Amino acid sequence: MTRKKVPPQVIDAVRGVPLWTTLEALEHGGRLTFKNDATFLPRADASTRRVHVSLPSGRVLEVLLTGLKWFDLTQGVGGGGSIDLAIHILGCNFTSAVLCLADQALPGLRDGGSTEEP
């Protein structure tokens, strides 16, 4: 059995993807739909947004986004960065999240990028 090895430059590029762009990429890839909650009034940080994320399974998550940090109010867990958010939402592993985001958020980045590892 082989597993994919992701080059460090791909991981670094994906890490820099803003969370809003991450959600847009996952939506474009058909993995979810999301909507900004225009009624939300942030308390501590004016840049915080609340979004409702709908998954194909019918589950809806309520997620706060502040810079590169996120918090899922529905499940009471949070994290930092686009990879972490994709892992949480998609329920996948690190490599799958990186490859998905590279394909959806940074098209062309992986041209010849990932290699097979025994």
PDB file of N, CA and C in Angstrom:
ATOM      1  N   MET A   1       0.840  -1.169   0.000  1.00  0.00           N
ATOM      2  CA  MET A   1       0.000   0.000   0.000  1.00  0.00           C
ATOM      3  C   MET A   1       0.894   1.244   0.000  1.00  0.00           C
ATOM      4  N   THR A   2       0.497   2.240  -0.773  1.00  0.00           N
ATOM      5  CA  THR A   2       1.261   3.484  -0.807  1.00  0.00           C
ATOM      6  C   THR A   2       0.429   4.603  -0.208  1.00  0.00           C
ATOM      7  N   ARG A   3       1.117   5.593   0.279  1.00  0.00           N
ATOM      8  CA  ARG A   3       0.396   6.774   0.755  1.00  0.00           C
ATOM      9  C   ARG A   3       1.039   7.995   0.126  1.00  0.00           C
ATOM     10  N   LYS A   4       0.254   9.018  -0.017  1.00  0.00           N
ATOM     11  CA  LYS A   4       0.742  10.213  -0.676  1.00  0.00           C
ATOM     12  C   LYS A   4       1.596  11.029   0.277  1.00  0.00           C
ATOM     13  N   LYS A   5       2.662  11.563  -0.257  1.00  0.00           N
ATOM     14  CA  LYS A   5       3.502  12.480   0.499  1.00  0.00           C
ATOM     15  C   LYS A   5       3.324  13.854  -0.130  1.00  0.00           C
ATOM     16  N   VAL A   6       3.031  14.814   0.699  1.00  0.00           N
ATOM     17  CA  VAL A   6       2.780  16.161   0.215  1.00  0.00           C
ATOM     18  C   VAL A   6       4.047  16.988   0.400  1.00  0.00           C
ATOM     19  N   PRO A   7       4.520  17.632  -0.667  1.00  0.00           N
ATOM     20  CA  PRO A   7       5.719  18.460  -0.551  1.00  0.00           C
ATOM     21  C   PRO A   7       5.513  19.614   0.442  1.00  0.00           C
ATOM     22  N   PRO A   8       6.569  19.979   1.174  1.00  0.00           N
ATOM     23  CA  PRO A   8       6.451  21.045   2.175  1.00  0.00           C
ATOM     24  C   PRO A   8       5.958  22.370   1.600  1.00  0.00           C
ATOM     25  N   GLN A   9       6.316  22.692   0.346  1.00  0.00           N
ATOM     26  CA  GLN A   9       5.878  23.959  -0.231  1.00  0.00           C
ATOM     27  C   GLN A   9       4.362  23.991  -0.444  1.00  0.00           C
ATOM     28  N   VAL A  10       3.762  22.827  -0.691  1.00  0.00           N
ATOM     29  CA  VAL A  10       2.311  22.761  -0.834  1.00  0.00           C
ATOM     30  C   VAL A  10       1.656  22.971   0.527  1.00  0.00           C
ATOM     31  N   ILE A  11       2.198  22.310   1.552  1.00  0.00           N
ATOM     32  CA  ILE A  11       1.661  22.473   2.916  1.00  0.00           C
ATOM     33  C   ILE A  11       1.757  23.936   3.344  1.00  0.00           C
ATOM     34  N   ASP A  12       2.907  24.559   3.126  1.00  0.00           N
ATOM     35  CA  ASP A  12       3.099  25.967   3.509  1.00  0.00           C
ATOM     36  C   ASP A  12       2.117  26.880   2.784  1.00  0.00           C
ATOM     37  N   ALA A  13       1.912  26.631   1.492  1.00  0.00           N
ATOM     38  CA  ALA A  13       0.991  27.465   0.715  1.00  0.00           C
ATOM     39  C   ALA A  13      -0.438  27.320   1.228  1.00  0.00           C
ATOM     40  N   VAL A  14      -0.845  26.093   1.522  1.00  0.00           N
ATOM     41  CA  VAL A  14      -2.206  25.848   2.013  1.00  0.00           C
ATOM     42  C   VAL A  14      -2.396  26.464   3.397  1.00  0.00           C
ATOM     43  N   ARG A  15      -1.361  26.405   4.232  1.00  0.00           N
ATOM     44  CA  ARG A  15      -1.459  26.999   5.583  1.00  0.00           C
ATOM     45  C   ARG A  15      -1.782  28.488   5.523  1.00  0.00           C
ATOM     46  N   GLY A  16      -1.348  29.159   4.463  1.00  0.00           N
ATOM     47  CA  GLY A  16      -1.573  30.595   4.339  1.00  0.00           C
ATOM     48  C   GLY A  16      -2.921  30.985   3.768  1.00  0.00           C
ATOM     49  N   VAL A  17      -3.753  30.006   3.434  1.00  0.00           N
ATOM     50  CA  VAL A  17      -5.070  30.302   2.863  1.00  0.00           C
ATOM     51  C   VAL A  17      -5.989  30.840   3.964  1.00  0.00           C
ATOM     52  N   PRO A  18      -6.579  32.030   3.761  1.00  0.00           N
ATOM     53  CA  PRO A  18      -7.515  32.568   4.761  1.00  0.00           C
ATOM     54  C   PRO A  18      -8.715  31.631   4.963  1.00  0.00           C
ATOM     55  N   LEU A  19      -9.291  31.654   6.150  1.00  0.00           N
ATOM     56  CA  LEU A  19     -10.391  30.749   6.471  1.00  0.00           C
ATOM     57  C   LEU A  19     -11.608  30.973   5.574  1.00  0.00           C
ATOM     58  N   TRP A  20     -11.892  32.217   5.243  1.00  0.00           N
ATOM     59  CA  TRP A  20     -13.038  32.504   4.369  1.00  0.00           C
ATOM     60  C   TRP A  20     -12.809  31.863   2.997  1.00  0.00           C
ATOM     61  N   THR A  21     -11.577  31.967   2.497  1.00  0.00           N
ATOM     62  CA  THR A  21     -11.216  31.358   1.215  1.00  0.00           C
ATOM     63  C   THR A  21     -11.296  29.842   1.305  1.00  0.00           C
ATOM     64  N   THR A  22     -10.946  29.292   2.458  1.00  0.00           N
ATOM     65  CA  THR A  22     -11.061  27.851   2.683  1.00  0.00           C
ATOM     66  C   THR A  22     -12.510  27.405   2.518  1.00  0.00           C
ATOM     67  N   LEU A  23     -13.432  28.121   3.151  1.00  0.00           N
ATOM     68  CA  LEU A  23     -14.852  27.774   3.030  1.00  0.00           C
ATOM     69  C   LEU A  23     -15.328  27.927   1.589  1.00  0.00           C
ATOM     70  N   GLU A  24     -14.904  28.995   0.911  1.00  0.00           N
ATOM     71  CA  GLU A  24     -15.279  29.187  -0.495  1.00  0.00           C
ATOM     72  C   GLU A  24     -14.771  28.032  -1.357  1.00  0.00           C
ATOM     73  N   ALA A  25     -13.541  27.601  -1.106  1.00  0.00           N
ATOM     74  CA  ALA A  25     -12.954  26.502  -1.879  1.00  0.00           C
ATOM     75  C   ALA A  25     -13.708  25.205  -1.639  1.00  0.00           C
ATOM     76  N   LEU A  26     -14.048  24.925  -0.391  1.00  0.00           N
ATOM     77  CA  LEU A  26     -14.786  23.702  -0.075  1.00  0.00           C
ATOM     78  C   LEU A  26     -16.206  23.756  -0.654  1.00  0.00           C
ATOM     79  N   GLU A  27     -16.778  24.946  -0.683  1.00  0.00           N
ATOM     80  CA  GLU A  27     -18.100  25.110  -1.287  1.00  0.00           C
ATOM     81  C   GLU A  27     -18.010  24.888  -2.800  1.00  0.00           C
ATOM     82  N   HIS A  28     -16.997  25.480  -3.420  1.00  0.00           N
ATOM     83  CA  HIS A  28     -16.794  25.319  -4.861  1.00  0.00           C
ATOM     84  C   HIS A  28     -16.583  23.850  -5.214  1.00  0.00           C
ATOM     85  N   GLY A  29     -15.926  23.116  -4.341  1.00  0.00           N
ATOM     86  CA  GLY A  29     -15.689  21.689  -4.557  1.00  0.00           C
ATOM     87  C   GLY A  29     -16.893  20.812  -4.246  1.00  0.00           C
ATOM     88  N   GLY A  30     -18.010  21.427  -3.849  1.00  0.00           N
ATOM     89  CA  GLY A  30     -19.225  20.677  -3.572  1.00  0.00           C
ATOM     90  C   GLY A  30     -19.237  19.972  -2.235  1.00  0.00           C
ATOM     91  N   ARG A  31     -18.321  20.355  -1.349  1.00  0.00           N
ATOM     92  CA  ARG A  31     -18.214  19.673  -0.050  1.00  0.00           C
ATOM     93  C   ARG A  31     -19.124  20.269   1.015  1.00  0.00           C
ATOM     94  N   LEU A  32     -19.613  21.504   0.798  1.00  0.00           N
ATOM     95  CA  LEU A  32     -20.459  22.176   1.772  1.00  0.00           C
ATOM     96  C   LEU A  32     -21.057  23.419   1.135  1.00  0.00           C
ATOM     97  N   THR A  33     -21.982  24.024   1.853  1.00  0.00           N
ATOM     98  CA  THR A  33     -22.440  25.374   1.535  1.00  0.00           C
ATOM     99  C   THR A  33     -22.327  26.151   2.834  1.00  0.00           C
ATOM    100  N   PHE A  34     -22.144  27.464   2.715  1.00  0.00           N
ATOM    101  CA  PHE A  34     -22.061  28.263   3.930  1.00  0.00           C
ATOM    102  C   PHE A  34     -22.647  29.642   3.680  1.00  0.00           C
ATOM    103  N   LYS A  35     -23.034  30.259   4.784  1.00  0.00           N
ATOM    104  CA  LYS A  35     -23.627  31.591   4.697  1.00  0.00           C
ATOM    105  C   LYS A  35     -23.168  32.422   5.886  1.00  0.00           C
ATOM    106  N   ASN A  36     -22.746  33.641   5.600  1.00  0.00           N
ATOM    107  CA  ASN A  36     -22.373  34.584   6.638  1.00  0.00           C
ATOM    108  C   ASN A  36     -23.633  34.983   7.418  1.00  0.00           C
ATOM    109  N   ASP A  37     -23.541  35.054   8.725  1.00  0.00           N
ATOM    110  CA  ASP A  37     -24.661  35.481   9.564  1.00  0.00           C
ATOM    111  C   ASP A  37     -24.590  36.991   9.722  1.00  0.00           C
ATOM    112  N   ALA A  38     -25.382  37.698   8.940  1.00  0.00           N
ATOM    113  CA  ALA A  38     -25.360  39.162   8.936  1.00  0.00           C
ATOM    114  C   ALA A  38     -25.909  39.758  10.232  1.00  0.00           C
ATOM    115  N   THR A  39     -26.601  38.957  11.038  1.00  0.00           N
ATOM    116  CA  THR A  39     -27.165  39.467  12.292  1.00  0.00           C
ATOM    117  C   THR A  39     -26.165  39.393  13.449  1.00  0.00           C
ATOM    118  N   PHE A  40     -25.037  38.732  13.240  1.00  0.00           N
ATOM    119  CA  PHE A  40     -24.055  38.531  14.303  1.00  0.00           C
ATOM    120  C   PHE A  40     -23.318  39.831  14.620  1.00  0.00           C
ATOM    121  N   LEU A  41     -23.251  40.154  15.908  1.00  0.00           N
ATOM    122  CA  LEU A  41     -22.514  41.323  16.378  1.00  0.00           C
ATOM    123  C   LEU A  41     -21.356  40.850  17.249  1.00  0.00           C
ATOM    124  N   PRO A  42     -20.116  40.943  16.733  1.00  0.00           N
ATOM    125  CA  PRO A  42     -18.967  40.474  17.508  1.00  0.00           C
ATOM    126  C   PRO A  42     -18.771  41.287  18.778  1.00  0.00           C
ATOM    127  N   ARG A  43     -18.269  40.636  19.823  1.00  0.00           N
ATOM    128  CA  ARG A  43     -18.060  41.315  21.101  1.00  0.00           C
ATOM    129  C   ARG A  43     -16.613  41.747  21.289  1.00  0.00           C
ATOM    130  N   ALA A  44     -15.680  40.819  21.214  1.00  0.00           N
ATOM    131  CA  ALA A  44     -14.281  41.120  21.536  1.00  0.00           C
ATOM    132  C   ALA A  44     -13.494  41.640  20.336  1.00  0.00           C
ATOM    133  N   ASP A  45     -13.666  41.017  19.180  1.00  0.00           N
ATOM    134  CA  ASP A  45     -12.894  41.379  17.999  1.00  0.00           C
ATOM    135  C   ASP A  45     -13.858  41.708  16.867  1.00  0.00           C
ATOM    136  N   ALA A  46     -13.798  42.927  16.377  1.00  0.00           N
ATOM    137  CA  ALA A  46     -14.728  43.381  15.348  1.00  0.00           C
ATOM    138  C   ALA A  46     -14.611  42.595  14.043  1.00  0.00           C
ATOM    139  N   SER A  47     -13.495  41.897  13.843  1.00  0.00           N
ATOM    140  CA  SER A  47     -13.314  41.148  12.594  1.00  0.00           C
ATOM    141  C   SER A  47     -13.947  39.756  12.633  1.00  0.00           C
ATOM    142  N   THR A  48     -14.453  39.347  13.797  1.00  0.00           N
ATOM    143  CA  THR A  48     -15.053  38.016  13.928  1.00  0.00           C
ATOM    144  C   THR A  48     -16.330  37.927  13.106  1.00  0.00           C
ATOM    145  N   ARG A  49     -16.456  36.805  12.394  1.00  0.00           N
ATOM    146  CA  ARG A  49     -17.665  36.505  11.620  1.00  0.00           C
ATOM    147  C   ARG A  49     -18.252  35.199  12.127  1.00  0.00           C
ATOM    148  N   ARG A  50     -19.572  35.110  12.064  1.00  0.00           N
ATOM    149  CA  ARG A  50     -20.235  33.843  12.358  1.00  0.00           C
ATOM    150  C   ARG A  50     -20.821  33.332  11.050  1.00  0.00           C
ATOM    151  N   VAL A  51     -20.516  32.075  10.731  1.00  0.00           N
ATOM    152  CA  VAL A  51     -21.032  31.473   9.508  1.00  0.00           C
ATOM    153  C   VAL A  51     -21.769  30.189   9.845  1.00  0.00           C
ATOM    154  N   HIS A  52     -22.750  29.890   9.037  1.00  0.00           N
ATOM    155  CA  HIS A  52     -23.497  28.644   9.156  1.00  0.00           C
ATOM    156  C   HIS A  52     -23.038  27.760   8.002  1.00  0.00           C
ATOM    157  N   VAL A  53     -22.480  26.620   8.347  1.00  0.00           N
ATOM    158  CA  VAL A  53     -21.921  25.684   7.373  1.00  0.00           C
ATOM    159  C   VAL A  53     -22.854  24.483   7.277  1.00  0.00           C
ATOM    160  N   SER A  54     -23.372  24.233   6.066  1.00  0.00           N
ATOM    161  CA  SER A  54     -24.257  23.096   5.832  1.00  0.00           C
ATOM    162  C   SER A  54     -23.490  22.014   5.097  1.00  0.00           C
ATOM    163  N   LEU A  55     -23.497  20.815   5.672  1.00  0.00           N
ATOM    164  CA  LEU A  55     -22.798  19.678   5.092  1.00  0.00           C
ATOM    165  C   LEU A  55     -23.780  18.811   4.301  1.00  0.00           C
ATOM    166  N   PRO A  56     -23.278  18.048   3.324  1.00  0.00           N
ATOM    167  CA  PRO A  56     -24.169  17.188   2.538  1.00  0.00           C
ATOM    168  C   PRO A  56     -24.977  16.205   3.391  1.00  0.00           C
ATOM    169  N   SER A  57     -24.458  15.846   4.563  1.00  0.00           N
ATOM    170  CA  SER A  57     -25.168  14.919   5.453  1.00  0.00           C
ATOM    171  C   SER A  57     -26.406  15.549   6.081  1.00  0.00           C
ATOM    172  N   GLY A  58     -26.548  16.873   5.933  1.00  0.00           N
ATOM    173  CA  GLY A  58     -27.662  17.582   6.551  1.00  0.00           C
ATOM    174  C   GLY A  58     -27.265  18.293   7.838  1.00  0.00           C
ATOM    175  N   ARG A  59     -26.069  17.978   8.352  1.00  0.00           N
ATOM    176  CA  ARG A  59     -25.576  18.639   9.558  1.00  0.00           C
ATOM    177  C   ARG A  59     -25.278  20.097   9.270  1.00  0.00           C
ATOM    178  N   VAL A  60     -25.575  20.961  10.227  1.00  0.00           N
ATOM    179  CA  VAL A  60     -25.269  22.378  10.110  1.00  0.00           C
ATOM    180  C   VAL A  60     -24.377  22.766  11.276  1.00  0.00           C
ATOM    181  N   LEU A  61     -23.255  23.408  10.956  1.00  0.00           N
ATOM    182  CA  LEU A  61     -22.325  23.882  11.977  1.00  0.00           C
ATOM    183  C   LEU A  61     -22.419  25.395  12.066  1.00  0.00           C
ATOM    184  N   GLU A  62     -22.225  25.909  13.249  1.00  0.00           N
ATOM    185  CA  GLU A  62     -22.180  27.355  13.483  1.00  0.00           C
ATOM    186  C   GLU A  62     -20.740  27.665  13.895  1.00  0.00           C
ATOM    187  N   VAL A  63     -20.014  28.361  13.031  1.00  0.00           N
ATOM    188  CA  VAL A  63     -18.582  28.548  13.219  1.00  0.00           C
ATOM    189  C   VAL A  63     -18.228  30.024  13.287  1.00  0.00           C
ATOM    190  N   LEU A  64     -17.413  30.370  14.291  1.00  0.00           N
ATOM    191  CA  LEU A  64     -16.868  31.726  14.398  1.00  0.00           C
ATOM    192  C   LEU A  64     -15.498  31.745  13.735  1.00  0.00           C
ATOM    193  N   LEU A  65     -15.227  32.772  12.937  1.00  0.00           N
ATOM    194  CA  LEU A  65     -13.940  32.953  12.273  1.00  0.00           C
ATOM    195  C   LEU A  65     -13.343  34.274  12.717  1.00  0.00           C
ATOM    196  N   THR A  66     -12.113  34.228  13.221  1.00  0.00           N
ATOM    197  CA  THR A  66     -11.386  35.429  13.611  1.00  0.00           C
ATOM    198  C   THR A  66      -9.950  35.265  13.152  1.00  0.00           C
ATOM    199  N   GLY A  67      -9.582  35.981  12.105  1.00  0.00           N
ATOM    200  CA  GLY A  67      -8.234  35.812  11.554  1.00  0.00           C
ATOM    201  C   GLY A  67      -8.051  34.381  11.104  1.00  0.00           C
ATOM    202  N   LEU A  68      -7.021  33.716  11.624  1.00  0.00           N
ATOM    203  CA  LEU A  68      -6.778  32.315  11.278  1.00  0.00           C
ATOM    204  C   LEU A  68      -7.328  31.354  12.335  1.00  0.00           C
ATOM    205  N   LYS A  69      -8.075  31.869  13.306  1.00  0.00           N
ATOM    206  CA  LYS A  69      -8.655  31.015  14.340  1.00  0.00           C
ATOM    207  C   LYS A  69     -10.133  30.795  14.055  1.00  0.00           C
ATOM    208  N   TRP A  70     -10.602  29.615  14.420  1.00  0.00           N
ATOM    209  CA  TRP A  70     -12.005  29.287  14.249  1.00  0.00           C
ATOM    210  C   TRP A  70     -12.511  28.551  15.488  1.00  0.00           C
ATOM    211  N   PHE A  71     -13.821  28.627  15.702  1.00  0.00           N
ATOM    212  CA  PHE A  71     -14.444  27.910  16.808  1.00  0.00           C
ATOM    213  C   PHE A  71     -15.824  27.446  16.366  1.00  0.00           C
ATOM    214  N   ASP A  72     -16.062  26.155  16.472  1.00  0.00           N
ATOM    215  CA  ASP A  72     -17.343  25.557  16.126  1.00  0.00           C
ATOM    216  C   ASP A  72     -18.229  25.592  17.370  1.00  0.00           C
ATOM    217  N   LEU A  73     -19.204  26.485  17.368  1.00  0.00           N
ATOM    218  CA  LEU A  73     -20.110  26.631  18.510  1.00  0.00           C
ATOM    219  C   LEU A  73     -20.986  25.397  18.694  1.00  0.00           C
ATOM    220  N   THR A  74     -21.255  24.691  17.612  1.00  0.00           N
ATOM    221  CA  THR A  74     -22.111  23.513  17.670  1.00  0.00           C
ATOM    222  C   THR A  74     -21.460  22.378  18.443  1.00  0.00           C
ATOM    223  N   GLN A  75     -20.151  22.194  18.227  1.00  0.00           N
ATOM    224  CA  GLN A  75     -19.449  21.081  18.864  1.00  0.00           C
ATOM    225  C   GLN A  75     -18.531  21.518  19.996  1.00  0.00           C
ATOM    226  N   GLY A  76     -18.365  22.826  20.171  1.00  0.00           N
ATOM    227  CA  GLY A  76     -17.535  23.316  21.271  1.00  0.00           C
ATOM    228  C   GLY A  76     -16.051  23.074  21.088  1.00  0.00           C
ATOM    229  N   VAL A  77     -15.594  23.055  19.841  1.00  0.00           N
ATOM    230  CA  VAL A  77     -14.173  22.858  19.559  1.00  0.00           C
ATOM    231  C   VAL A  77     -13.684  23.927  18.587  1.00  0.00           C
ATOM    232  N   GLY A  78     -12.391  24.189  18.665  1.00  0.00           N
ATOM    233  CA  GLY A  78     -11.816  25.178  17.774  1.00  0.00           C
ATOM    234  C   GLY A  78     -10.416  24.814  17.383  1.00  0.00           C
ATOM    235  N   GLY A  79      -9.833  25.657  16.572  1.00  0.00           N
ATOM    236  CA  GLY A  79      -8.482  25.411  16.111  1.00  0.00           C
ATOM    237  C   GLY A  79      -7.969  26.605  15.343  1.00  0.00           C
ATOM    238  N   GLY A  80      -6.871  26.376  14.649  1.00  0.00           N
ATOM    239  CA  GLY A  80      -6.260  27.463  13.893  1.00  0.00           C
ATOM    240  C   GLY A  80      -5.823  27.016  12.524  1.00  0.00           C
ATOM    241  N   GLY A  81      -6.134  27.809  11.536  1.00  0.00           N
ATOM    242  CA  GLY A  81      -5.661  27.573  10.190  1.00  0.00           C
ATOM    243  C   GLY A  81      -6.617  26.800   9.308  1.00  0.00           C
ATOM    244  N   SER A  82      -6.347  26.919   8.014  1.00  0.00           N
ATOM    245  CA  SER A  82      -7.219  26.318   7.009  1.00  0.00           C
ATOM    246  C   SER A  82      -7.191  24.791   7.043  1.00  0.00           C
ATOM    247  N   ILE A  83      -6.032  24.210   7.293  1.00  0.00           N
ATOM    248  CA  ILE A  83      -5.927  22.754   7.310  1.00  0.00           C
ATOM    249  C   ILE A  83      -6.747  22.182   8.463  1.00  0.00           C
ATOM    250  N   ASP A  84      -6.591  22.780   9.631  1.00  0.00           N
ATOM    251  CA  ASP A  84      -7.349  22.364  10.815  1.00  0.00           C
ATOM    252  C   ASP A  84      -8.861  22.467  10.567  1.00  0.00           C
ATOM    253  N   LEU A  85      -9.284  23.566   9.951  1.00  0.00           N
ATOM    254  CA  LEU A  85     -10.706  23.763   9.673  1.00  0.00           C
ATOM    255  C   LEU A  85     -11.214  22.715   8.692  1.00  0.00           C
ATOM    256  N   ALA A  86     -10.453  22.435   7.652  1.00  0.00           N
ATOM    257  CA  ALA A  86     -10.866  21.422   6.675  1.00  0.00           C
ATOM    258  C   ALA A  86     -10.943  20.036   7.314  1.00  0.00           C
ATOM    259  N   ILE A  87      -9.972  19.695   8.152  1.00  0.00           N
ATOM    260  CA  ILE A  87      -9.998  18.407   8.850  1.00  0.00           C
ATOM    261  C   ILE A  87     -11.263  18.304   9.698  1.00  0.00           C
ATOM    262  N   HIS A  88     -11.576  19.364  10.419  1.00  0.00           N
ATOM    263  CA  HIS A  88     -12.747  19.360  11.296  1.00  0.00           C
ATOM    264  C   HIS A  88     -14.048  19.223  10.495  1.00  0.00           C
ATOM    265  N   ILE A  89     -14.184  20.025   9.469  1.00  0.00           N
ATOM    266  CA  ILE A  89     -15.436  20.028   8.707  1.00  0.00           C
ATOM    267  C   ILE A  89     -15.607  18.760   7.886  1.00  0.00           C
ATOM    268  N   LEU A  90     -14.537  18.331   7.226  1.00  0.00           N
ATOM    269  CA  LEU A  90     -14.634  17.180   6.329  1.00  0.00           C
ATOM    270  C   LEU A  90     -14.476  15.843   7.046  1.00  0.00           C
ATOM    271  N   GLY A  91     -13.937  15.869   8.271  1.00  0.00           N
ATOM    272  CA  GLY A  91     -13.708  14.622   8.997  1.00  0.00           C
ATOM    273  C   GLY A  91     -12.651  13.767   8.323  1.00  0.00           C
ATOM    274  N   CYS A  92     -11.630  14.418   7.781  1.00  0.00           N
ATOM    275  CA  CYS A  92     -10.591  13.690   7.050  1.00  0.00           C
ATOM    276  C   CYS A  92      -9.244  13.827   7.754  1.00  0.00           C
ATOM    277  N   ASN A  93      -8.212  13.213   7.180  1.00  0.00           N
ATOM    278  CA  ASN A  93      -6.876  13.309   7.762  1.00  0.00           C
ATOM    279  C   ASN A  93      -6.116  14.510   7.192  1.00  0.00           C
ATOM    280  N   PHE A  94      -4.931  14.751   7.737  1.00  0.00           N
ATOM    281  CA  PHE A  94      -4.110  15.896   7.354  1.00  0.00           C
ATOM    282  C   PHE A  94      -3.819  15.917   5.855  1.00  0.00           C
ATOM    283  N   THR A  95      -3.346  14.799   5.322  1.00  0.00           N
ATOM    284  CA  THR A  95      -2.967  14.746   3.916  1.00  0.00           C
ATOM    285  C   THR A  95      -4.161  15.014   3.008  1.00  0.00           C
ATOM    286  N   SER A  96      -5.292  14.398   3.307  1.00  0.00           N
ATOM    287  CA  SER A  96      -6.494  14.611   2.498  1.00  0.00           C
ATOM    288  C   SER A  96      -6.937  16.069   2.532  1.00  0.00           C
ATOM    289  N   ALA A  97      -6.864  16.691   3.708  1.00  0.00           N
ATOM    290  CA  ALA A  97      -7.249  18.100   3.828  1.00  0.00           C
ATOM    291  C   ALA A  97      -6.322  18.994   3.012  1.00  0.00           C
ATOM    292  N   VAL A  98      -5.017  18.748   3.102  1.00  0.00           N
ATOM    293  CA  VAL A  98      -4.040  19.562   2.356  1.00  0.00           C
ATOM    294  C   VAL A  98      -4.268  19.407   0.855  1.00  0.00           C
ATOM    295  N   LEU A  99      -4.433  18.178   0.388  1.00  0.00           N
ATOM    296  CA  LEU A  99      -4.613  17.944  -1.044  1.00  0.00           C
ATOM    297  C   LEU A  99      -5.919  18.542  -1.553  1.00  0.00           C
ATOM    298  N   CYS A 100      -6.975  18.434  -0.760  1.00  0.00           N
ATOM    299  CA  CYS A 100      -8.261  19.016  -1.137  1.00  0.00           C
ATOM    300  C   CYS A 100      -8.145  20.535  -1.263  1.00  0.00           C
ATOM    301  N   LEU A 101      -7.534  21.164  -0.267  1.00  0.00           N
ATOM    302  CA  LEU A 101      -7.394  22.616  -0.300  1.00  0.00           C
ATOM    303  C   LEU A 101      -6.455  23.074  -1.406  1.00  0.00           C
ATOM    304  N   ALA A 102      -5.396  22.312  -1.640  1.00  0.00           N
ATOM    305  CA  ALA A 102      -4.475  22.670  -2.723  1.00  0.00           C
ATOM    306  C   ALA A 102      -5.214  22.632  -4.055  1.00  0.00           C
ATOM    307  N   ASP A 103      -6.040  21.620  -4.250  1.00  0.00           N
ATOM    308  CA  ASP A 103      -6.783  21.485  -5.506  1.00  0.00           C
ATOM    309  C   ASP A 103      -7.857  22.557  -5.653  1.00  0.00           C
ATOM    310  N   GLN A 104      -8.564  22.854  -4.562  1.00  0.00           N
ATOM    311  CA  GLN A 104      -9.705  23.767  -4.639  1.00  0.00           C
ATOM    312  C   GLN A 104      -9.336  25.237  -4.445  1.00  0.00           C
ATOM    313  N   ALA A 105      -8.437  25.523  -3.507  1.00  0.00           N
ATOM    314  CA  ALA A 105      -8.119  26.920  -3.187  1.00  0.00           C
ATOM    315  C   ALA A 105      -6.938  27.462  -3.975  1.00  0.00           C
ATOM    316  N   LEU A 106      -6.036  26.570  -4.391  1.00  0.00           N
ATOM    317  CA  LEU A 106      -4.823  26.996  -5.096  1.00  0.00           C
ATOM    318  C   LEU A 106      -4.623  26.143  -6.344  1.00  0.00           C
ATOM    319  N   PRO A 107      -5.559  26.221  -7.310  1.00  0.00           N
ATOM    320  CA  PRO A 107      -5.446  25.370  -8.489  1.00  0.00           C
ATOM    321  C   PRO A 107      -4.113  25.578  -9.197  1.00  0.00           C
ATOM    322  N   GLY A 108      -3.550  24.489  -9.662  1.00  0.00           N
ATOM    323  CA  GLY A 108      -2.265  24.562 -10.363  1.00  0.00           C
ATOM    324  C   GLY A 108      -1.073  24.379  -9.451  1.00  0.00           C
ATOM    325  N   LEU A 109      -1.265  24.511  -8.149  1.00  0.00           N
ATOM    326  CA  LEU A 109      -0.166  24.396  -7.195  1.00  0.00           C
ATOM    327  C   LEU A 109       0.434  22.997  -7.207  1.00  0.00           C
ATOM    328  N   ARG A 110      -0.423  21.983  -7.330  1.00  0.00           N
ATOM    329  CA  ARG A 110       0.047  20.603  -7.214  1.00  0.00           C
ATOM    330  C   ARG A 110       0.569  20.018  -8.517  1.00  0.00           C
ATOM    331  N   ASP A 111       0.619  20.753  -9.583  1.00  0.00           N
ATOM    332  CA  ASP A 111       1.113  20.195 -10.851  1.00  0.00           C
ATOM    333  C   ASP A 111       2.456  19.528 -10.611  1.00  0.00           C
ATOM    334  N   GLY A 112       2.423  18.214 -10.577  1.00  0.00           N
ATOM    335  CA  GLY A 112       3.659  17.463 -10.312  1.00  0.00           C
ATOM    336  C   GLY A 112       4.086  17.515  -8.865  1.00  0.00           C
ATOM    337  N   GLY A 113       3.201  18.010  -7.963  1.00  0.00           N
ATOM    338  CA  GLY A 113       3.605  18.236  -6.586  1.00  0.00           C
ATOM    339  C   GLY A 113       3.629  17.040  -5.674  1.00  0.00           C
ATOM    340  N   SER A 114       2.600  16.190  -5.683  1.00  0.00           N
ATOM    341  CA  SER A 114       2.607  15.092  -4.706  1.00  0.00           C
ATOM    342  C   SER A 114       3.242  13.851  -5.306  1.00  0.00           C
ATOM    343  N   THR A 115       3.873  13.105  -4.452  1.00  0.00           N
ATOM    344  CA  THR A 115       4.562  11.893  -4.892  1.00  0.00           C
ATOM    345  C   THR A 115       4.045  10.723  -4.080  1.00  0.00           C
ATOM    346  N   GLU A 116       4.230   9.531  -4.596  1.00  0.00           N
ATOM    347  CA  GLU A 116       3.808   8.335  -3.864  1.00  0.00           C
ATOM    348  C   GLU A 116       4.960   7.868  -2.976  1.00  0.00           C
ATOM    349  N   GLU A 117       4.609   7.431  -1.783  1.00  0.00           N
ATOM    350  CA  GLU A 117       5.611   6.943  -0.847  1.00  0.00           C
ATOM    351  C   GLU A 117       5.213   5.534  -0.426  1.00  0.00           C
ATOM    352  N   PRO A 118       6.133   4.592  -0.428  1.00  0.00           N
ATOM    353  CA  PRO A 118       5.783   3.211  -0.027  1.00  0.00           C
ATOM    354  C   PRO A 118       5.385   3.110   1.423  1.00  0.00           C
TER     355      PRO A 118
END
